[in-house]
C-alpha atoms as a PDB file:
ATOM      1  CA  MET A   1     138.938  24.993  77.197  1.00  0.00           C
ATOM      2  CA  VAL A   2     137.228  28.347  76.713  1.00  0.00           C
ATOM      3  CA  TYR A   3     136.906  28.876  80.467  1.00  0.00           C
ATOM      4  CA  LYS A   4     140.573  28.110  80.974  1.00  0.00           C
ATOM      5  CA  LEU A   5     141.579  30.648  78.343  1.00  0.00           C
ATOM      6  CA  LEU A   6     139.207  33.231  79.804  1.00  0.00           C
ATOM      7  CA  PHE A   7     140.705  32.632  83.257  1.00  0.00           C
ATOM      8  CA  LEU A   8     144.222  33.157  81.917  1.00  0.00           C
ATOM      9  CA  LEU A   9     143.259  36.359  80.137  1.00  0.00           C
ATOM     10  CA  VAL A  10     141.475  37.839  83.144  1.00  0.00           C
ATOM     11  CA  PHE A  11     143.730  36.871  86.032  1.00  0.00           C
ATOM     12  CA  MET A  12     147.218  36.821  84.558  1.00  0.00           C
ATOM     13  CA  THR A  13     149.129  40.021  84.018  1.00  0.00           C
ATOM     14  CA  PRO A  14     150.662  40.800  80.617  1.00  0.00           C
ATOM     15  CA  TYR A  15     154.229  40.081  81.701  1.00  0.00           C
ATOM     16  CA  ASP A  16     153.137  36.597  82.781  1.00  0.00           C
ATOM     17  CA  LEU A  17     151.607  35.880  79.388  1.00  0.00           C
ATOM     18  CA  GLN A  18     154.329  37.260  77.152  1.00  0.00           C
ATOM     19  CA  TYR A  19     157.509  36.208  78.918  1.00  0.00           C
ATOM     20  CA  GLY A  20     156.461  33.365  81.196  1.00  0.00           C
ATOM     21  CA  LEU A  21     157.498  35.221  84.359  1.00  0.00           C
ATOM     22  CA  GLU A  22     156.293  33.903  87.685  1.00  0.00           C
ATOM     23  CA  GLN A  23     154.824  35.939  90.497  1.00  0.00           C
ATOM     24  CA  ILE A  24     157.451  36.668  93.113  1.00  0.00           C
ATOM     25  CA  GLU A  25     156.991  34.433  96.166  1.00  0.00           C
ATOM     26  CA  CYS A  26     158.854  35.093  99.386  1.00  0.00           C
ATOM     27  CA  PRO A  27     159.527  32.715 102.236  1.00  0.00           C
ATOM     28  CA  ARG A  28     158.653  33.766 105.767  1.00  0.00           C
ATOM     29  CA  TRP A  29     161.880  33.717 107.717  1.00  0.00           C
ATOM     30  CA  ALA A  30     162.227  33.317 111.461  1.00  0.00           C
ATOM     31  CA  PRO A  31     163.333  36.578 113.102  1.00  0.00           C
ATOM     32  CA  GLY A  32     167.103  36.862 113.199  1.00  0.00           C
ATOM     33  CA  GLY A  33     167.793  33.639 111.315  1.00  0.00           C
ATOM     34  CA  ASN A  34     167.582  31.793 108.034  1.00  0.00           C
ATOM     35  CA  GLU A  35     164.991  29.229 109.092  1.00  0.00           C
ATOM     36  CA  ILE A  36     161.752  29.269 107.108  1.00  0.00           C
ATOM     37  CA  LEU A  37     158.637  29.377 109.249  1.00  0.00           C
ATOM     38  CA  PRO A  38     155.751  26.925 108.815  1.00  0.00           C
ATOM     39  CA  THR A  39     152.486  28.292 107.482  1.00  0.00           C
ATOM     40  CA  ASN A  40     150.647  28.073 110.810  1.00  0.00           C
ATOM     41  CA  VAL A  41     153.022  30.535 112.552  1.00  0.00           C
ATOM     42  CA  THR A  42     151.919  34.160 112.555  1.00  0.00           C
ATOM     43  CA  LEU A  43     154.203  37.160 112.825  1.00  0.00           C
ATOM     44  CA  SER A  44     153.572  40.507 114.472  1.00  0.00           C
ATOM     45  CA  PRO A  45     153.046  43.455 112.080  1.00  0.00           C
ATOM     46  CA  GLN A  46     156.563  44.722 112.802  1.00  0.00           C
ATOM     47  CA  LEU A  47     158.110  41.334 112.024  1.00  0.00           C
ATOM     48  CA  GLN A  48     155.983  41.049 108.869  1.00  0.00           C
ATOM     49  CA  LEU A  49     157.368  44.390 107.690  1.00  0.00           C
ATOM     50  CA  GLN A  50     160.933  43.298 108.485  1.00  0.00           C
ATOM     51  CA  ASN A  51     160.308  40.058 106.619  1.00  0.00           C
ATOM     52  CA  ALA A  52     158.953  41.960 103.602  1.00  0.00           C
ATOM     53  CA  MET A  53     161.972  44.280 103.581  1.00  0.00           C
ATOM     54  CA  ARG A  54     164.333  41.314 103.769  1.00  0.00           C
ATOM     55  CA  CYS A  55     162.442  39.675 100.926  1.00  0.00           C
ATOM     56  CA  TYR A  56     162.692  42.845  98.834  1.00  0.00           C
ATOM     57  CA  CYS A  57     166.444  43.044  99.327  1.00  0.00           C
ATOM     58  CA  GLN A  58     167.263  39.351  98.943  1.00  0.00           C
ATOM     59  CA  VAL A  59     164.601  37.959  96.620  1.00  0.00           C
ATOM     60  CA  VAL A  60     162.741  40.665  94.694  1.00  0.00           C
ATOM     61  CA  LYS A  61     165.750  42.689  93.517  1.00  0.00           C
ATOM     62  CA  PHE A  62     167.597  39.467  92.665  1.00  0.00           C
ATOM     63  CA  LYS A  63     164.624  38.322  90.548  1.00  0.00           C
ATOM     64  CA  GLU A  64     164.554  41.725  88.828  1.00  0.00           C
ATOM     65  CA  ARG A  65     168.256  41.512  87.885  1.00  0.00           C
ATOM     66  CA  GLU A  66     167.791  37.901  86.765  1.00  0.00           C
ATOM     67  CA  CYS A  67     164.794  38.928  84.647  1.00  0.00           C
ATOM     68  CA  ILE A  68     166.800  41.648  82.881  1.00  0.00           C
ATOM     69  CA  ARG A  69     169.729  39.258  82.366  1.00  0.00           C
ATOM     70  CA  ASN A  70     167.359  36.791  80.660  1.00  0.00           C
ATOM     71  CA  GLY A  71     166.537  39.344  77.953  1.00  0.00           C
ATOM     72  CA  VAL A  72     163.136  40.519  79.172  1.00  0.00           C
ATOM     73  CA  PRO A  73     162.688  44.278  78.620  1.00  0.00           C
ATOM     74  CA  GLU A  74     163.745  46.255  81.666  1.00  0.00           C
ATOM     75  CA  ARG A  75     160.438  48.136  81.961  1.00  0.00           C
ATOM     76  CA  ILE A  76     158.560  44.838  82.367  1.00  0.00           C
ATOM     77  CA  CYS A  77     160.954  43.571  85.040  1.00  0.00           C
ATOM     78  CA  VAL A  78     160.737  46.866  86.909  1.00  0.00           C
ATOM     79  CA  ARG A  79     156.941  46.830  86.646  1.00  0.00           C
ATOM     80  CA  ARG A  80     156.847  43.357  88.189  1.00  0.00           C
ATOM     81  CA  THR A  81     159.011  44.643  91.057  1.00  0.00           C
ATOM     82  CA  ASN A  82     156.783  47.692  91.489  1.00  0.00           C
ATOM     83  CA  ASP A  83     153.692  45.480  91.569  1.00  0.00           C
ATOM     84  CA  TRP A  84     155.264  43.417  94.354  1.00  0.00           C
ATOM     85  CA  VAL A  85     156.091  46.573  96.319  1.00  0.00           C
ATOM     86  CA  GLU A  86     152.520  47.868  95.930  1.00  0.00           C
ATOM     87  CA  GLN A  87     151.095  44.579  97.202  1.00  0.00           C
ATOM     88  CA  ASN A  88     153.516  43.933 100.060  1.00  0.00           C
ATOM     89  CA  LEU A  89     155.023  47.215 101.269  1.00  0.00           C
ATOM     90  CA  LYS A  90     152.176  49.679 100.868  1.00  0.00           C
ATOM     91  CA  LEU A  91     151.271  51.572 104.020  1.00  0.00           C
ATOM     92  CA  ASN A  92     147.856  51.138 105.542  1.00  0.00           C
ATOM     93  CA  GLN A  93     145.496  53.947 104.576  1.00  0.00           C
ATOM     94  CA  ASN A  94     144.520  54.280 108.243  1.00  0.00           C
ATOM     95  CA  VAL A  95     148.067  55.257 109.143  1.00  0.00           C
ATOM     96  CA  ILE A  96     148.373  58.059 106.617  1.00  0.00           C
ATOM     97  CA  GLN A  97     147.118  61.452 107.772  1.00  0.00           C
ATOM     98  CA  ASN A  98     146.319  64.170 105.240  1.00  0.00           C
ATOM     99  CA  ASN A  99     147.331  67.083 107.494  1.00  0.00           C
ATOM    100  CA  VAL A 100     143.683  67.846 108.080  1.00  0.00           C
ATOM    101  CA  MET A 101     142.459  69.070 111.433  1.00  0.00           C
ATOM    102  CA  MET A 102     140.498  66.268 112.972  1.00  0.00           C
ATOM    103  CA  ARG A 103     137.441  66.906 115.078  1.00  0.00           C
ATOM    104  CA  LEU A 104     137.630  65.579 118.569  1.00  0.00           C
ATOM    105  CA  PRO A 105     134.775  63.334 119.608  1.00  0.00           C
ATOM    106  CA  LYS A 106     132.072  64.970 121.721  1.00  0.00           C
ATOM    107  CA  ARG A 107     132.081  63.738 125.275  1.00  0.00           C
ATOM    108  CA  ASN A 108     129.647  64.203 128.070  1.00  0.00           C
ATOM    109  CA  LEU A 109     131.073  65.811 131.151  1.00  0.00           C
ATOM    110  CA  ILE A 110     129.513  64.872 134.456  1.00  0.00           C
ATOM    111  CA  ILE A 111     130.202  67.220 137.319  1.00  0.00           C
ATOM    112  CA  ASN A 112     129.418  66.141 140.852  1.00  0.00           C
ATOM    113  CA  GLU A 113     128.541  68.979 143.197  1.00  0.00           C
ATOM    114  CA  TYR A 114     128.504  68.486 146.952  1.00  0.00           C
END
């Protein structure tokens, strides 16, 4: 009993505890259709991003409006949406450049003389 309570306190976010809100789950749609893909099918990074954007527009924003309509404070519903965006639409840190001059790698140059 104590372990179960400790698990709930550590791993569940406050909006889950107070208002009984679920984490937002999105289906993985087939490209260009409404069919839901099985779990063993993998998507390319571009298709994953398109799928996440479709999910944001069709599922996440709908859940946010539904949450507000159910009387949950707007800031909590928006925070749940923002958490989903941070987890699913955040850019890779490797892609972001900080406008810093990068050093080119040193290469050996072999010159053949005849």
